[in-house]
């Protein structure tokens, strides 16, 4: 009887964890923005590590990639948890100037 109770408990916890993981995956897929930020002031791999460490502490960021050669970071985040401006503000008072790169501003006038 005791073994049956333990088995039933494990089964319930397993199903709960599976359902929770599935619902979290679906909600994460629908709430992601990707932005590219220019980062001025990075001169070495240590700077990259510092920037990555700072980004890693921002609640709502899901993924980031910092590129020293390009002087930029590509960041994926949940716009309901963090705003684009909040990412820039997080670097105030640091040696790095972080600003959103403008994208999609080019026109196709040359093709006409």
C-alpha atoms as a PDB file:
ATOM      1  CA  UNK A   1       0.000   0.000   0.000  1.00  0.00           C
ATOM      2  CA  UNK A   2       2.835   2.389   0.908  1.00  0.00           C
ATOM      3  CA  UNK A   3       4.583   1.681  -2.396  1.00  0.00           C
ATOM      4  CA  UNK A   4       1.397   2.388  -4.330  1.00  0.00           C
ATOM      5  CA  UNK A   5       1.002   5.733  -2.560  1.00  0.00           C
ATOM      6  CA  UNK A   6       4.600   6.687  -3.341  1.00  0.00           C
ATOM      7  CA  UNK A   7       4.156   5.673  -6.987  1.00  0.00           C
ATOM      8  CA  UNK A   8       0.957   7.705  -7.315  1.00  0.00           C
ATOM      9  CA  UNK A   9       2.646  10.753  -5.751  1.00  0.00           C
ATOM     10  CA  UNK A  10       5.595  10.515  -8.137  1.00  0.00           C
ATOM     11  CA  UNK A  11       3.238  10.178 -11.082  1.00  0.00           C
ATOM     12  CA  UNK A  12       1.291  13.305 -10.080  1.00  0.00           C
ATOM     13  CA  UNK A  13       4.492  15.342  -9.618  1.00  0.00           C
ATOM     14  CA  UNK A  14       5.829  14.107 -12.956  1.00  0.00           C
ATOM     15  CA  UNK A  15       2.681  15.091 -14.828  1.00  0.00           C
ATOM     16  CA  UNK A  16       2.601  18.483 -13.117  1.00  0.00           C
ATOM     17  CA  UNK A  17       6.222  19.181 -14.089  1.00  0.00           C
ATOM     18  CA  UNK A  18       5.573  18.140 -17.705  1.00  0.00           C
ATOM     19  CA  UNK A  19       2.485  20.325 -18.035  1.00  0.00           C
ATOM     20  CA  UNK A  20       4.269  23.260 -16.415  1.00  0.00           C
ATOM     21  CA  UNK A  21       7.247  22.926 -18.760  1.00  0.00           C
ATOM     22  CA  UNK A  22       5.002  22.764 -21.829  1.00  0.00           C
ATOM     23  CA  UNK A  23       2.997  25.855 -20.877  1.00  0.00           C
ATOM     24  CA  UNK A  24       6.169  27.805 -20.104  1.00  0.00           C
ATOM     25  CA  UNK A  25       7.638  26.932 -23.511  1.00  0.00           C
ATOM     26  CA  UNK A  26       4.530  28.159 -25.332  1.00  0.00           C
ATOM     27  CA  UNK A  27       4.451  31.466 -23.461  1.00  0.00           C
ATOM     28  CA  UNK A  28       8.188  32.049 -23.989  1.00  0.00           C
ATOM     29  CA  UNK A  29       7.823  31.589 -27.744  1.00  0.00           C
ATOM     30  CA  UNK A  30       5.243  34.346 -28.099  1.00  0.00           C
ATOM     31  CA  UNK A  31       6.988  37.017 -26.015  1.00  0.00           C
ATOM     32  CA  UNK A  32      10.427  37.572 -27.516  1.00  0.00           C
ATOM     33  CA  UNK A  33      11.936  40.664 -29.095  1.00  0.00           C
ATOM     34  CA  UNK A  34      15.393  40.736 -30.650  1.00  0.00           C
ATOM     35  CA  UNK A  35      17.331  44.003 -30.698  1.00  0.00           C
ATOM     36  CA  UNK A  36      20.893  44.929 -31.569  1.00  0.00           C
ATOM     37  CA  UNK A  37      22.756  47.366 -29.328  1.00  0.00           C
ATOM     38  CA  UNK A  38      25.910  49.291 -30.146  1.00  0.00           C
ATOM     39  CA  UNK A  39      28.445  49.065 -27.323  1.00  0.00           C
ATOM     40  CA  UNK A  40      31.184  51.695 -27.199  1.00  0.00           C
ATOM     41  CA  UNK A  41      34.143  51.249 -24.867  1.00  0.00           C
ATOM     42  CA  UNK A  42      34.862  47.535 -25.267  1.00  0.00           C
ATOM     43  CA  UNK A  43      38.572  46.998 -25.988  1.00  0.00           C
ATOM     44  CA  UNK A  44      39.297  43.408 -24.940  1.00  0.00           C
ATOM     45  CA  UNK A  45      37.794  40.043 -24.082  1.00  0.00           C
ATOM     46  CA  UNK A  46      37.630  41.129 -20.430  1.00  0.00           C
ATOM     47  CA  UNK A  47      35.285  43.936 -21.489  1.00  0.00           C
ATOM     48  CA  UNK A  48      33.114  41.402 -23.306  1.00  0.00           C
ATOM     49  CA  UNK A  49      32.956  39.312 -20.131  1.00  0.00           C
ATOM     50  CA  UNK A  50      31.951  42.386 -18.103  1.00  0.00           C
ATOM     51  CA  UNK A  51      29.186  43.281 -20.556  1.00  0.00           C
ATOM     52  CA  UNK A  52      27.938  39.687 -20.644  1.00  0.00           C
ATOM     53  CA  UNK A  53      27.924  39.576 -16.855  1.00  0.00           C
ATOM     54  CA  UNK A  54      25.874  42.773 -16.699  1.00  0.00           C
ATOM     55  CA  UNK A  55      23.429  41.504 -19.333  1.00  0.00           C
ATOM     56  CA  UNK A  56      23.092  38.208 -17.500  1.00  0.00           C
ATOM     57  CA  UNK A  57      21.742  40.010 -14.434  1.00  0.00           C
ATOM     58  CA  UNK A  58      18.921  41.799 -16.276  1.00  0.00           C
ATOM     59  CA  UNK A  59      15.559  40.208 -15.486  1.00  0.00           C
ATOM     60  CA  UNK A  60      13.680  39.311 -18.665  1.00  0.00           C
ATOM     61  CA  UNK A  61      16.682  38.783 -20.948  1.00  0.00           C
ATOM     62  CA  UNK A  62      16.515  35.353 -22.511  1.00  0.00           C
ATOM     63  CA  UNK A  63      19.603  35.300 -24.699  1.00  0.00           C
ATOM     64  CA  UNK A  64      22.444  37.613 -25.638  1.00  0.00           C
ATOM     65  CA  UNK A  65      25.556  37.527 -27.789  1.00  0.00           C
ATOM     66  CA  UNK A  66      28.289  40.133 -27.454  1.00  0.00           C
ATOM     67  CA  UNK A  67      30.675  40.706 -30.384  1.00  0.00           C
ATOM     68  CA  UNK A  68      33.888  42.622 -29.639  1.00  0.00           C
ATOM     69  CA  UNK A  69      34.858  43.156 -33.288  1.00  0.00           C
ATOM     70  CA  UNK A  70      31.479  44.598 -34.233  1.00  0.00           C
ATOM     71  CA  UNK A  71      31.134  46.464 -30.938  1.00  0.00           C
ATOM     72  CA  UNK A  72      27.612  45.242 -30.464  1.00  0.00           C
ATOM     73  CA  UNK A  73      25.309  42.862 -28.646  1.00  0.00           C
ATOM     74  CA  UNK A  74      22.295  41.024 -30.031  1.00  0.00           C
ATOM     75  CA  UNK A  75      19.764  40.586 -27.243  1.00  0.00           C
ATOM     76  CA  UNK A  76      16.545  38.560 -27.022  1.00  0.00           C
ATOM     77  CA  UNK A  77      14.148  39.581 -24.270  1.00  0.00           C
ATOM     78  CA  UNK A  78      10.583  39.415 -23.038  1.00  0.00           C
ATOM     79  CA  UNK A  79       9.104  42.885 -23.661  1.00  0.00           C
ATOM     80  CA  UNK A  80       6.622  42.358 -20.833  1.00  0.00           C
ATOM     81  CA  UNK A  81       9.471  41.947 -18.337  1.00  0.00           C
ATOM     82  CA  UNK A  82      12.051  44.428 -19.606  1.00  0.00           C
ATOM     83  CA  UNK A  83      11.911  47.403 -21.964  1.00  0.00           C
ATOM     84  CA  UNK A  84      14.537  48.253 -24.546  1.00  0.00           C
ATOM     85  CA  UNK A  85      15.413  51.485 -22.709  1.00  0.00           C
ATOM     86  CA  UNK A  86      15.936  49.546 -19.473  1.00  0.00           C
ATOM     87  CA  UNK A  87      18.803  47.654 -21.087  1.00  0.00           C
ATOM     88  CA  UNK A  88      20.544  50.907 -22.003  1.00  0.00           C
ATOM     89  CA  UNK A  89      19.942  52.365 -18.528  1.00  0.00           C
ATOM     90  CA  UNK A  90      21.503  49.294 -16.923  1.00  0.00           C
ATOM     91  CA  UNK A  91      24.880  50.405 -18.288  1.00  0.00           C
ATOM     92  CA  UNK A  92      24.746  53.980 -16.974  1.00  0.00           C
ATOM     93  CA  UNK A  93      27.743  54.617 -14.732  1.00  0.00           C
ATOM     94  CA  UNK A  94      29.823  51.932 -16.449  1.00  0.00           C
ATOM     95  CA  UNK A  95      32.668  52.442 -18.941  1.00  0.00           C
ATOM     96  CA  UNK A  96      30.368  51.252 -21.721  1.00  0.00           C
ATOM     97  CA  UNK A  97      27.963  53.373 -23.741  1.00  0.00           C
ATOM     98  CA  UNK A  98      25.116  51.166 -24.887  1.00  0.00           C
ATOM     99  CA  UNK A  99      22.565  52.375 -27.414  1.00  0.00           C
ATOM    100  CA  UNK A 100      19.954  50.728 -29.583  1.00  0.00           C
ATOM    101  CA  UNK A 101      21.055  50.335 -33.192  1.00  0.00           C
ATOM    102  CA  UNK A 102      18.544  51.583 -35.719  1.00  0.00           C
ATOM    103  CA  UNK A 103      17.353  48.876 -38.091  1.00  0.00           C
ATOM    104  CA  UNK A 104      15.008  48.851 -41.033  1.00  0.00           C
ATOM    105  CA  UNK A 105      15.502  52.544 -41.816  1.00  0.00           C
ATOM    106  CA  UNK A 106      16.815  51.972 -45.328  1.00  0.00           C
ATOM    107  CA  UNK A 107      14.430  52.577 -48.199  1.00  0.00           C
ATOM    108  CA  UNK A 108      14.206  50.770 -51.510  1.00  0.00           C
ATOM    109  CA  UNK A 109      14.251  53.929 -53.642  1.00  0.00           C
ATOM    110  CA  UNK A 110      17.208  52.623 -55.668  1.00  0.00           C
ATOM    111  CA  UNK A 111      15.168  49.671 -56.953  1.00  0.00           C
ATOM    112  CA  UNK A 112      12.356  51.855 -58.342  1.00  0.00           C
END
